[in-house]
Amino acid sequence: MTQTPKIMHKEHDGFLYTYFENYDDDCNCMWRKNSEHENVYTIERVDILPEFRRKGFARELLKDALKRIAVEGVVDQIIHLTH
Protein backbone atom coordinates (compact mmCIF):
# COMPACT_ATOMS: atom_id res chain seq x y z
CA MET A 1 0.00 0.00 0.00
CA THR A 2 1.56 3.27 -1.06
CA GLN A 3 -1.18 5.81 -0.35
CA THR A 4 -2.66 6.73 3.00
CA PRO A 5 -6.18 5.30 3.21
CA LYS A 6 -9.01 7.83 3.56
CA ILE A 7 -9.24 9.16 7.13
CA MET A 8 -12.67 9.09 8.77
CA HIS A 9 -14.08 10.38 12.08
CA LYS A 10 -16.57 9.12 14.64
CA GLU A 11 -17.68 9.75 18.20
CA HIS A 12 -18.63 6.99 20.62
CA ASP A 13 -19.34 7.24 24.38
CA GLY A 14 -17.68 10.65 24.63
CA PHE A 15 -14.53 9.55 22.81
CA LEU A 16 -13.60 10.99 19.44
CA TYR A 17 -11.83 8.82 16.89
CA THR A 18 -9.79 9.41 13.78
CA TYR A 19 -9.50 6.16 11.82
CA PHE A 20 -8.81 4.75 8.39
CA GLU A 21 -11.81 3.91 6.25
CA ASN A 22 -12.39 0.13 6.27
CA TYR A 23 -10.28 -0.24 9.45
CA ASP A 24 -12.44 1.47 12.09
CA ASP A 25 -12.01 -1.22 14.77
CA ASP A 26 -8.31 -2.01 14.33
CA CYS A 27 -6.54 1.19 13.40
CA ASN A 28 -7.36 4.46 15.10
CA CYS A 29 -6.37 7.44 17.15
CA MET A 30 -8.59 8.18 20.15
CA TRP A 31 -8.82 11.49 21.99
CA ARG A 32 -11.11 13.20 24.45
CA LYS A 33 -11.64 16.55 26.11
CA ASN A 34 -10.24 17.02 29.60
CA SER A 35 -13.20 17.56 31.91
CA GLU A 36 -11.23 19.73 34.37
CA HIS A 37 -9.54 22.15 31.96
CA GLU A 38 -10.91 24.07 29.01
CA ASN A 39 -9.20 23.48 25.64
CA VAL A 40 -7.08 20.61 26.97
CA TYR A 41 -7.28 17.22 25.28
CA THR A 42 -5.81 13.79 25.87
CA ILE A 43 -4.66 11.54 23.04
CA GLU A 44 -4.93 8.09 24.53
CA ARG A 45 -3.93 5.63 21.88
CA VAL A 46 -2.81 5.13 18.35
CA ASP A 47 -3.31 1.60 17.01
CA ILE A 48 -1.69 0.68 13.72
CA LEU A 49 -2.19 -2.59 11.89
CA PRO A 50 1.08 -4.42 11.19
CA GLU A 51 0.79 -3.86 7.43
CA PHE A 52 0.68 -0.08 8.04
CA ARG A 53 3.77 0.14 10.23
CA ARG A 54 6.81 2.16 9.09
CA LYS A 55 4.81 3.93 6.37
CA GLY A 56 3.97 7.16 8.21
CA PHE A 57 0.31 6.27 8.69
CA ALA A 58 0.36 6.76 12.49
CA ARG A 59 1.70 10.26 11.89
CA GLU A 60 -1.18 10.93 9.48
CA LEU A 61 -3.72 9.79 12.09
CA LEU A 62 -2.13 12.04 14.73
CA LYS A 63 -1.97 15.03 12.40
CA ASP A 64 -5.61 14.59 11.49
CA ALA A 65 -6.61 14.19 15.16
CA LEU A 66 -4.80 17.43 15.99
CA LYS A 67 -6.62 19.21 13.16
CA ARG A 68 -9.95 17.94 14.48
CA ILE A 69 -9.06 19.05 18.01
CA ALA A 70 -8.10 22.49 16.68
CA VAL A 71 -11.61 22.82 15.22
CA GLU A 72 -12.95 22.53 18.78
CA GLY A 73 -11.05 25.68 19.79
CA VAL A 74 -7.58 26.78 20.75
CA VAL A 75 -5.62 23.83 22.10
CA ASP A 76 -3.52 24.85 25.09
CA GLN A 77 -1.71 21.57 25.54
CA ILE A 78 -1.91 17.87 24.94
CA ILE A 79 -1.68 16.12 28.26
CA HIS A 80 -0.73 12.56 27.43
CA LEU A 81 0.45 10.63 24.41
CA THR A 82 0.95 6.88 24.63
CA HIS A 83 1.15 3.96 22.28
C-alpha atoms as a PDB file:
ATOM      1  CA  MET A   1       0.000   0.000   0.000  1.00  0.00           C
ATOM      2  CA  THR A   2       1.565   3.270  -1.064  1.00  0.00           C
ATOM      3  CA  GLN A   3      -1.180   5.812  -0.352  1.00  0.00           C
ATOM      4  CA  THR A   4      -2.663   6.726   3.005  1.00  0.00           C
ATOM      5  CA  PRO A   5      -6.183   5.297   3.212  1.00  0.00           C
ATOM      6  CA  LYS A   6      -9.012   7.827   3.562  1.00  0.00           C
ATOM      7  CA  ILE A   7      -9.236   9.165   7.127  1.00  0.00           C
ATOM      8  CA  MET A   8     -12.666   9.085   8.770  1.00  0.00           C
ATOM      9  CA  HIS A   9     -14.083  10.375  12.077  1.00  0.00           C
ATOM     10  CA  LYS A  10     -16.571   9.122  14.640  1.00  0.00           C
ATOM     11  CA  GLU A  11     -17.678   9.750  18.200  1.00  0.00           C
ATOM     12  CA  HIS A  12     -18.631   6.994  20.624  1.00  0.00           C
ATOM     13  CA  ASP A  13     -19.344   7.237  24.379  1.00  0.00           C
ATOM     14  CA  GLY A  14     -17.678  10.647  24.632  1.00  0.00           C
ATOM     15  CA  PHE A  15     -14.529   9.548  22.814  1.00  0.00           C
ATOM     16  CA  LEU A  16     -13.601  10.992  19.440  1.00  0.00           C
ATOM     17  CA  TYR A  17     -11.834   8.817  16.890  1.00  0.00           C
ATOM     18  CA  THR A  18      -9.794   9.405  13.784  1.00  0.00           C
ATOM     19  CA  TYR A  19      -9.496   6.162  11.825  1.00  0.00           C
ATOM     20  CA  PHE A  20      -8.805   4.754   8.392  1.00  0.00           C
ATOM     21  CA  GLU A  21     -11.809   3.907   6.247  1.00  0.00           C
ATOM     22  CA  ASN A  22     -12.389   0.125   6.269  1.00  0.00           C
ATOM     23  CA  TYR A  23     -10.276  -0.237   9.453  1.00  0.00           C
ATOM     24  CA  ASP A  24     -12.441   1.470  12.085  1.00  0.00           C
ATOM     25  CA  ASP A  25     -12.005  -1.222  14.766  1.00  0.00           C
ATOM     26  CA  ASP A  26      -8.308  -2.005  14.333  1.00  0.00           C
ATOM     27  CA  CYS A  27      -6.537   1.194  13.395  1.00  0.00           C
ATOM     28  CA  ASN A  28      -7.363   4.455  15.101  1.00  0.00           C
ATOM     29  CA  CYS A  29      -6.368   7.438  17.148  1.00  0.00           C
ATOM     30  CA  MET A  30      -8.591   8.182  20.148  1.00  0.00           C
ATOM     31  CA  TRP A  31      -8.821  11.486  21.992  1.00  0.00           C
ATOM     32  CA  ARG A  32     -11.106  13.201  24.446  1.00  0.00           C
ATOM     33  CA  LYS A  33     -11.640  16.547  26.106  1.00  0.00           C
ATOM     34  CA  ASN A  34     -10.245  17.015  29.596  1.00  0.00           C
ATOM     35  CA  SER A  35     -13.204  17.564  31.914  1.00  0.00           C
ATOM     36  CA  GLU A  36     -11.232  19.727  34.372  1.00  0.00           C
ATOM     37  CA  HIS A  37      -9.540  22.146  31.961  1.00  0.00           C
ATOM     38  CA  GLU A  38     -10.911  24.067  29.006  1.00  0.00           C
ATOM     39  CA  ASN A  39      -9.202  23.479  25.639  1.00  0.00           C
ATOM     40  CA  VAL A  40      -7.084  20.606  26.967  1.00  0.00           C
ATOM     41  CA  TYR A  41      -7.275  17.218  25.285  1.00  0.00           C
ATOM     42  CA  THR A  42      -5.807  13.789  25.872  1.00  0.00           C
ATOM     43  CA  ILE A  43      -4.663  11.541  23.044  1.00  0.00           C
ATOM     44  CA  GLU A  44      -4.935   8.087  24.528  1.00  0.00           C
ATOM     45  CA  ARG A  45      -3.925   5.628  21.879  1.00  0.00           C
ATOM     46  CA  VAL A  46      -2.807   5.128  18.348  1.00  0.00           C
ATOM     47  CA  ASP A  47      -3.311   1.600  17.006  1.00  0.00           C
ATOM     48  CA  ILE A  48      -1.691   0.682  13.720  1.00  0.00           C
ATOM     49  CA  LEU A  49      -2.193  -2.585  11.892  1.00  0.00           C
ATOM     50  CA  PRO A  50       1.077  -4.423  11.189  1.00  0.00           C
ATOM     51  CA  GLU A  51       0.786  -3.856   7.431  1.00  0.00           C
ATOM     52  CA  PHE A  52       0.680  -0.077   8.039  1.00  0.00           C
ATOM     53  CA  ARG A  53       3.770   0.139  10.230  1.00  0.00           C
ATOM     54  CA  ARG A  54       6.810   2.158   9.086  1.00  0.00           C
ATOM     55  CA  LYS A  55       4.806   3.926   6.372  1.00  0.00           C
ATOM     56  CA  GLY A  56       3.968   7.160   8.211  1.00  0.00           C
ATOM     57  CA  PHE A  57       0.305   6.270   8.690  1.00  0.00           C
ATOM     58  CA  ALA A  58       0.358   6.760  12.488  1.00  0.00           C
ATOM     59  CA  ARG A  59       1.703  10.262  11.894  1.00  0.00           C
ATOM     60  CA  GLU A  60      -1.179  10.925   9.482  1.00  0.00           C
ATOM     61  CA  LEU A  61      -3.717   9.791  12.087  1.00  0.00           C
ATOM     62  CA  LEU A  62      -2.131  12.037  14.727  1.00  0.00           C
ATOM     63  CA  LYS A  63      -1.972  15.033  12.396  1.00  0.00           C
ATOM     64  CA  ASP A  64      -5.615  14.594  11.492  1.00  0.00           C
ATOM     65  CA  ALA A  65      -6.610  14.190  15.158  1.00  0.00           C
ATOM     66  CA  LEU A  66      -4.805  17.434  15.988  1.00  0.00           C
ATOM     67  CA  LYS A  67      -6.624  19.206  13.157  1.00  0.00           C
ATOM     68  CA  ARG A  68      -9.955  17.942  14.481  1.00  0.00           C
ATOM     69  CA  ILE A  69      -9.063  19.055  18.007  1.00  0.00           C
ATOM     70  CA  ALA A  70      -8.099  22.494  16.682  1.00  0.00           C
ATOM     71  CA  VAL A  71     -11.605  22.820  15.223  1.00  0.00           C
ATOM     72  CA  GLU A  72     -12.947  22.534  18.782  1.00  0.00           C
ATOM     73  CA  GLY A  73     -11.054  25.681  19.793  1.00  0.00           C
ATOM     74  CA  VAL A  74      -7.576  26.776  20.752  1.00  0.00           C
ATOM     75  CA  VAL A  75      -5.623  23.827  22.096  1.00  0.00           C
ATOM     76  CA  ASP A  76      -3.523  24.847  25.088  1.00  0.00           C
ATOM     77  CA  GLN A  77      -1.714  21.569  25.535  1.00  0.00           C
ATOM     78  CA  ILE A  78      -1.905  17.866  24.941  1.00  0.00           C
ATOM     79  CA  ILE A  79      -1.677  16.115  28.256  1.00  0.00           C
ATOM     80  CA  HIS A  80      -0.726  12.559  27.430  1.00  0.00           C
ATOM     81  CA  LEU A  81       0.453  10.627  24.411  1.00  0.00           C
ATOM     82  CA  THR A  82       0.955   6.885  24.635  1.00  0.00           C
ATOM     83  CA  HIS A  83       1.145   3.958  22.281  1.00  0.00           C
END
